[in-house]
Amino acid sequence: MGDSFMDLVVWQRAIQLCAETYRLTASFPRSEQFGLVNQMRRASISIASNIAEGYGRSTRGEYLQFLGHARGSKCELQTQLVISKLLGFSEGISYDRTEQLCADVSRMLIALMKKLKD
């Protein structure tokens, strides 16, 4: 492992996901500012934050627990992406990028958790 959680590719990708989520939700209706926009942004922030917090914990078990929280937040964001698309709030390149980053982070989290369990 590196010297910092910032060396983790999964954390770096989660940061990209967060930035893309902010870009995507910037075009949502103003009426969603305290609804879906807030929820999606908080979920995306939570993914990277839980990866970092878990990395800083004392035990492998705690690290796995926080990676599990990150995975849960990733699932929240995926659900909210589906809802935003069904409501017609998101489409196009930014939606596709956000969806792809979400899938990338998911695969990386699963792989990291598997590695830590072995």
N, C-alpha and C. Protein backbone atom coordinates (compact mmCIF):
# COMPACT_ATOMS: atom_id res chain seq x y z
N MET A 1 0.83 -1.18 0.00
CA MET A 1 0.00 0.00 0.00
C MET A 1 0.88 1.25 0.00
N GLY A 2 0.32 2.34 -0.52
CA GLY A 2 1.07 3.58 -0.58
C GLY A 2 1.14 4.27 0.77
N ASP A 3 1.71 5.44 0.75
CA ASP A 3 1.87 6.22 1.98
C ASP A 3 0.59 6.95 2.38
N SER A 4 -0.35 7.06 1.45
CA SER A 4 -1.54 7.85 1.70
C SER A 4 -2.73 7.24 0.95
N PHE A 5 -3.91 7.50 1.45
CA PHE A 5 -5.11 7.07 0.75
C PHE A 5 -5.19 7.74 -0.62
N MET A 6 -4.53 8.89 -0.77
CA MET A 6 -4.55 9.60 -2.05
C MET A 6 -3.79 8.85 -3.14
N ASP A 7 -2.99 7.85 -2.74
CA ASP A 7 -2.29 7.01 -3.71
C ASP A 7 -3.19 5.92 -4.27
N LEU A 8 -4.33 5.67 -3.64
CA LEU A 8 -5.24 4.62 -4.09
C LEU A 8 -5.99 5.06 -5.35
N VAL A 9 -5.92 4.23 -6.38
CA VAL A 9 -6.61 4.55 -7.63
C VAL A 9 -8.12 4.62 -7.40
N VAL A 10 -8.65 3.76 -6.53
CA VAL A 10 -10.09 3.78 -6.26
C VAL A 10 -10.50 5.11 -5.62
N TRP A 11 -9.67 5.66 -4.75
CA TRP A 11 -9.98 6.97 -4.14
C TRP A 11 -9.92 8.05 -5.21
N GLN A 12 -8.90 8.00 -6.06
CA GLN A 12 -8.76 8.99 -7.13
C GLN A 12 -9.97 8.95 -8.07
N ARG A 13 -10.41 7.75 -8.41
CA ARG A 13 -11.58 7.59 -9.28
C ARG A 13 -12.84 8.08 -8.57
N ALA A 14 -12.94 7.85 -7.26
CA ALA A 14 -14.09 8.33 -6.50
C ALA A 14 -14.13 9.86 -6.47
N ILE A 15 -12.97 10.49 -6.42
CA ILE A 15 -12.90 11.96 -6.48
C ILE A 15 -13.39 12.45 -7.85
N GLN A 16 -12.97 11.75 -8.91
CA GLN A 16 -13.46 12.09 -10.25
C GLN A 16 -14.98 11.93 -10.33
N LEU A 17 -15.48 10.87 -9.72
CA LEU A 17 -16.92 10.62 -9.69
C LEU A 17 -17.65 11.76 -8.98
N CYS A 18 -17.09 12.21 -7.88
CA CYS A 18 -17.69 13.31 -7.13
C CYS A 18 -17.74 14.58 -7.99
N ALA A 19 -16.64 14.90 -8.64
CA ALA A 19 -16.58 16.10 -9.48
C ALA A 19 -17.58 15.99 -10.64
N GLU A 20 -17.67 14.82 -11.23
CA GLU A 20 -18.61 14.62 -12.35
C GLU A 20 -20.05 14.71 -11.87
N THR A 21 -20.31 14.21 -10.66
CA THR A 21 -21.66 14.31 -10.10
C THR A 21 -22.05 15.77 -9.89
N TYR A 22 -21.11 16.57 -9.41
CA TYR A 22 -21.37 18.01 -9.26
C TYR A 22 -21.67 18.66 -10.60
N ARG A 23 -20.88 18.31 -11.63
CA ARG A 23 -21.12 18.88 -12.96
C ARG A 23 -22.49 18.47 -13.49
N LEU A 24 -22.82 17.19 -13.31
CA LEU A 24 -24.10 16.68 -13.80
C LEU A 24 -25.28 17.37 -13.12
N THR A 25 -25.22 17.47 -11.81
CA THR A 25 -26.36 18.02 -11.06
C THR A 25 -26.48 19.54 -11.18
N ALA A 26 -25.46 20.20 -11.68
CA ALA A 26 -25.52 21.66 -11.85
C ALA A 26 -26.63 22.07 -12.82
N SER A 27 -27.01 21.15 -13.71
CA SER A 27 -28.05 21.48 -14.70
C SER A 27 -29.44 21.01 -14.28
N PHE A 28 -29.56 20.42 -13.10
CA PHE A 28 -30.87 19.95 -12.63
C PHE A 28 -31.77 21.15 -12.32
N PRO A 29 -33.08 20.92 -12.32
CA PRO A 29 -34.00 22.02 -11.99
C PRO A 29 -33.72 22.60 -10.60
N ARG A 30 -33.93 23.88 -10.48
CA ARG A 30 -33.72 24.57 -9.20
C ARG A 30 -34.56 23.94 -8.08
N SER A 31 -35.71 23.43 -8.43
CA SER A 31 -36.60 22.81 -7.44
C SER A 31 -35.98 21.56 -6.81
N GLU A 32 -34.96 21.00 -7.44
CA GLU A 32 -34.29 19.81 -6.91
C GLU A 32 -33.06 20.13 -6.08
N GLN A 33 -32.76 21.41 -5.89
CA GLN A 33 -31.55 21.82 -5.17
C GLN A 33 -31.44 21.16 -3.79
N PHE A 34 -32.54 21.06 -3.08
CA PHE A 34 -32.51 20.48 -1.74
C PHE A 34 -33.06 19.05 -1.72
N GLY A 35 -33.28 18.50 -2.89
CA GLY A 35 -33.76 17.14 -3.01
C GLY A 35 -32.70 16.26 -3.64
N LEU A 36 -32.92 15.92 -4.89
CA LEU A 36 -32.04 14.99 -5.59
C LEU A 36 -30.62 15.52 -5.74
N VAL A 37 -30.45 16.80 -6.01
CA VAL A 37 -29.11 17.37 -6.16
C VAL A 37 -28.31 17.18 -4.86
N ASN A 38 -28.92 17.55 -3.76
CA ASN A 38 -28.25 17.42 -2.46
C ASN A 38 -27.91 15.96 -2.16
N GLN A 39 -28.87 15.07 -2.39
CA GLN A 39 -28.67 13.64 -2.10
C GLN A 39 -27.54 13.05 -2.94
N MET A 40 -27.53 13.38 -4.23
CA MET A 40 -26.51 12.83 -5.12
C MET A 40 -25.12 13.35 -4.76
N ARG A 41 -25.04 14.63 -4.45
CA ARG A 41 -23.75 15.21 -4.09
C ARG A 41 -23.23 14.62 -2.79
N ARG A 42 -24.12 14.48 -1.82
CA ARG A 42 -23.70 13.91 -0.53
C ARG A 42 -23.25 12.46 -0.68
N ALA A 43 -23.96 11.68 -1.48
CA ALA A 43 -23.58 10.28 -1.69
C ALA A 43 -22.22 10.20 -2.37
N SER A 44 -21.99 11.06 -3.36
CA SER A 44 -20.71 11.01 -4.07
C SER A 44 -19.55 11.43 -3.16
N ILE A 45 -19.78 12.40 -2.32
CA ILE A 45 -18.75 12.82 -1.35
C ILE A 45 -18.48 11.69 -0.36
N SER A 46 -19.52 11.00 0.05
CA SER A 46 -19.40 9.93 1.03
C SER A 46 -18.55 8.77 0.52
N ILE A 47 -18.60 8.50 -0.78
CA ILE A 47 -17.82 7.39 -1.33
C ILE A 47 -16.33 7.63 -1.08
N ALA A 48 -15.82 8.75 -1.56
CA ALA A 48 -14.39 9.06 -1.40
C ALA A 48 -14.03 9.24 0.08
N SER A 49 -14.90 9.86 0.84
CA SER A 49 -14.62 10.11 2.25
C SER A 49 -14.50 8.82 3.04
N ASN A 50 -15.36 7.85 2.76
CA ASN A 50 -15.30 6.57 3.48
C ASN A 50 -14.09 5.75 3.09
N ILE A 51 -13.66 5.85 1.84
CA ILE A 51 -12.42 5.18 1.44
C ILE A 51 -11.26 5.76 2.24
N ALA A 52 -11.21 7.07 2.32
CA ALA A 52 -10.13 7.74 3.05
C ALA A 52 -10.19 7.43 4.54
N GLU A 53 -11.37 7.49 5.12
CA GLU A 53 -11.49 7.24 6.55
C GLU A 53 -11.11 5.81 6.90
N GLY A 54 -11.55 4.86 6.08
CA GLY A 54 -11.20 3.47 6.31
C GLY A 54 -9.69 3.24 6.24
N TYR A 55 -9.06 3.90 5.29
CA TYR A 55 -7.61 3.79 5.14
C TYR A 55 -6.89 4.25 6.40
N GLY A 56 -7.44 5.26 7.04
CA GLY A 56 -6.82 5.82 8.24
C GLY A 56 -7.13 5.08 9.52
N ARG A 57 -7.95 4.07 9.47
CA ARG A 57 -8.30 3.31 10.67
C ARG A 57 -7.19 2.34 11.06
N SER A 58 -7.31 1.82 12.26
CA SER A 58 -6.24 1.00 12.84
C SER A 58 -6.23 -0.45 12.38
N THR A 59 -7.38 -0.99 12.05
CA THR A 59 -7.43 -2.42 11.75
C THR A 59 -7.99 -2.68 10.35
N ARG A 60 -7.68 -3.85 9.86
CA ARG A 60 -8.19 -4.29 8.56
C ARG A 60 -9.72 -4.38 8.60
N GLY A 61 -10.26 -4.85 9.71
CA GLY A 61 -11.70 -4.97 9.86
C GLY A 61 -12.40 -3.61 9.75
N GLU A 62 -11.81 -2.61 10.40
CA GLU A 62 -12.38 -1.26 10.32
C GLU A 62 -12.30 -0.74 8.88
N TYR A 63 -11.17 -0.99 8.23
CA TYR A 63 -10.99 -0.56 6.85
C TYR A 63 -12.08 -1.18 5.97
N LEU A 64 -12.30 -2.48 6.13
CA LEU A 64 -13.34 -3.17 5.37
C LEU A 64 -14.72 -2.59 5.65
N GLN A 65 -14.97 -2.26 6.91
CA GLN A 65 -16.26 -1.69 7.27
C GLN A 65 -16.49 -0.37 6.52
N PHE A 66 -15.48 0.48 6.48
CA PHE A 66 -15.64 1.77 5.79
C PHE A 66 -15.71 1.60 4.28
N LEU A 67 -15.01 0.61 3.74
CA LEU A 67 -15.16 0.33 2.32
C LEU A 67 -16.58 -0.14 2.03
N GLY A 68 -17.16 -0.87 2.96
CA GLY A 68 -18.57 -1.27 2.83
C GLY A 68 -19.49 -0.06 2.84
N HIS A 69 -19.19 0.92 3.67
CA HIS A 69 -19.98 2.17 3.67
C HIS A 69 -19.84 2.88 2.33
N ALA A 70 -18.61 2.90 1.80
CA ALA A 70 -18.38 3.54 0.51
C ALA A 70 -19.19 2.83 -0.58
N ARG A 71 -19.21 1.52 -0.51
CA ARG A 71 -19.99 0.74 -1.49
C ARG A 71 -21.48 1.02 -1.36
N GLY A 72 -21.95 1.17 -0.14
CA GLY A 72 -23.35 1.51 0.07
C GLY A 72 -23.69 2.88 -0.52
N SER A 73 -22.81 3.84 -0.32
CA SER A 73 -23.03 5.18 -0.89
C SER A 73 -22.99 5.14 -2.41
N LYS A 74 -22.13 4.28 -2.95
CA LYS A 74 -22.07 4.11 -4.40
C LYS A 74 -23.40 3.57 -4.92
N CYS A 75 -23.99 2.62 -4.20
CA CYS A 75 -25.30 2.08 -4.58
C CYS A 75 -26.39 3.15 -4.49
N GLU A 76 -26.31 4.00 -3.47
CA GLU A 76 -27.25 5.13 -3.37
C GLU A 76 -27.15 6.01 -4.60
N LEU A 77 -25.91 6.37 -4.96
CA LEU A 77 -25.70 7.25 -6.11
C LEU A 77 -26.20 6.60 -7.38
N GLN A 78 -25.96 5.32 -7.57
CA GLN A 78 -26.45 4.64 -8.76
C GLN A 78 -27.98 4.69 -8.83
N THR A 79 -28.63 4.49 -7.70
CA THR A 79 -30.09 4.57 -7.65
C THR A 79 -30.56 5.97 -8.01
N GLN A 80 -29.91 6.97 -7.48
CA GLN A 80 -30.28 8.36 -7.75
C GLN A 80 -30.02 8.73 -9.21
N LEU A 81 -28.99 8.15 -9.81
CA LEU A 81 -28.74 8.38 -11.24
C LEU A 81 -29.90 7.83 -12.08
N VAL A 82 -30.37 6.64 -11.73
CA VAL A 82 -31.50 6.05 -12.44
C VAL A 82 -32.73 6.94 -12.31
N ILE A 83 -32.99 7.41 -11.09
CA ILE A 83 -34.15 8.28 -10.86
C ILE A 83 -34.02 9.57 -11.65
N SER A 84 -32.84 10.18 -11.64
CA SER A 84 -32.65 11.44 -12.36
C SER A 84 -32.85 11.25 -13.86
N LYS A 85 -32.44 10.09 -14.38
CA LYS A 85 -32.64 9.83 -15.80
C LYS A 85 -34.12 9.63 -16.11
N LEU A 86 -34.82 8.88 -15.26
CA LEU A 86 -36.26 8.65 -15.47
C LEU A 86 -37.04 9.96 -15.43
N LEU A 87 -36.59 10.90 -14.61
CA LEU A 87 -37.26 12.20 -14.50
C LEU A 87 -36.84 13.17 -15.60
N GLY A 88 -35.89 12.75 -16.43
CA GLY A 88 -35.45 13.59 -17.53
C GLY A 88 -34.47 14.68 -17.13
N PHE A 89 -33.86 14.55 -15.96
CA PHE A 89 -32.92 15.56 -15.49
C PHE A 89 -31.51 15.35 -16.02
N SER A 90 -31.18 14.11 -16.35
CA SER A 90 -29.81 13.84 -16.76
C SER A 90 -29.79 12.97 -18.00
N GLU A 91 -28.90 13.34 -18.88
CA GLU A 91 -28.68 12.59 -20.11
C GLU A 91 -27.39 13.08 -20.73
N GLY A 92 -26.96 12.44 -21.78
CA GLY A 92 -25.80 12.91 -22.51
C GLY A 92 -24.48 12.47 -21.92
N ILE A 93 -23.44 13.17 -22.34
CA ILE A 93 -22.07 12.81 -22.01
C ILE A 93 -21.81 12.82 -20.51
N SER A 94 -22.27 13.85 -19.82
CA SER A 94 -22.02 13.94 -18.38
C SER A 94 -22.68 12.79 -17.63
N TYR A 95 -23.90 12.43 -18.03
CA TYR A 95 -24.57 11.29 -17.40
C TYR A 95 -23.78 10.01 -17.67
N ASP A 96 -23.39 9.81 -18.92
CA ASP A 96 -22.64 8.61 -19.29
C ASP A 96 -21.32 8.52 -18.52
N ARG A 97 -20.62 9.65 -18.40
CA ARG A 97 -19.35 9.67 -17.65
C ARG A 97 -19.59 9.33 -16.19
N THR A 98 -20.62 9.91 -15.61
CA THR A 98 -20.93 9.66 -14.20
C THR A 98 -21.27 8.19 -13.99
N GLU A 99 -22.08 7.66 -14.85
CA GLU A 99 -22.48 6.25 -14.76
C GLU A 99 -21.26 5.34 -14.91
N GLN A 100 -20.36 5.65 -15.85
CA GLN A 100 -19.17 4.83 -16.06
C GLN A 100 -18.22 4.90 -14.86
N LEU A 101 -18.04 6.10 -14.31
CA LEU A 101 -17.18 6.25 -13.13
C LEU A 101 -17.75 5.48 -11.95
N CYS A 102 -19.07 5.50 -11.82
CA CYS A 102 -19.73 4.76 -10.75
C CYS A 102 -19.45 3.26 -10.90
N ALA A 103 -19.54 2.76 -12.11
CA ALA A 103 -19.26 1.34 -12.36
C ALA A 103 -17.79 1.02 -12.09
N ASP A 104 -16.89 1.92 -12.48
CA ASP A 104 -15.46 1.72 -12.23
C ASP A 104 -15.16 1.64 -10.73
N VAL A 105 -15.71 2.59 -9.99
CA VAL A 105 -15.50 2.63 -8.54
C VAL A 105 -16.06 1.36 -7.90
N SER A 106 -17.20 0.91 -8.38
CA SER A 106 -17.80 -0.31 -7.85
C SER A 106 -16.87 -1.50 -8.02
N ARG A 107 -16.35 -1.68 -9.22
CA ARG A 107 -15.44 -2.81 -9.48
C ARG A 107 -14.18 -2.71 -8.61
N MET A 108 -13.65 -1.51 -8.48
CA MET A 108 -12.43 -1.32 -7.69
C MET A 108 -12.67 -1.57 -6.21
N LEU A 109 -13.81 -1.13 -5.70
CA LEU A 109 -14.13 -1.37 -4.29
C LEU A 109 -14.26 -2.87 -4.01
N ILE A 110 -14.94 -3.57 -4.90
CA ILE A 110 -15.11 -5.02 -4.72
C ILE A 110 -13.75 -5.71 -4.73
N ALA A 111 -12.88 -5.31 -5.66
CA ALA A 111 -11.55 -5.92 -5.75
C ALA A 111 -10.72 -5.62 -4.51
N LEU A 112 -10.76 -4.39 -4.02
CA LEU A 112 -10.00 -4.02 -2.83
C LEU A 112 -10.51 -4.76 -1.61
N MET A 113 -11.81 -4.85 -1.47
CA MET A 113 -12.39 -5.56 -0.33
C MET A 113 -12.01 -7.06 -0.38
N LYS A 114 -12.04 -7.62 -1.57
CA LYS A 114 -11.66 -9.04 -1.72
C LYS A 114 -10.19 -9.22 -1.32
N LYS A 115 -9.34 -8.31 -1.78
CA LYS A 115 -7.91 -8.39 -1.46
C LYS A 115 -7.66 -8.30 0.05
N LEU A 116 -8.39 -7.42 0.71
CA LEU A 116 -8.21 -7.23 2.16
C LEU A 116 -8.75 -8.43 2.95
N LYS A 117 -9.74 -9.11 2.40
CA LYS A 117 -10.31 -10.28 3.07
C LYS A 117 -9.41 -11.50 2.96
N ASP A 118 -8.62 -11.57 1.89
CA ASP A 118 -7.73 -12.74 1.66
C ASP A 118 -6.53 -12.73 2.56
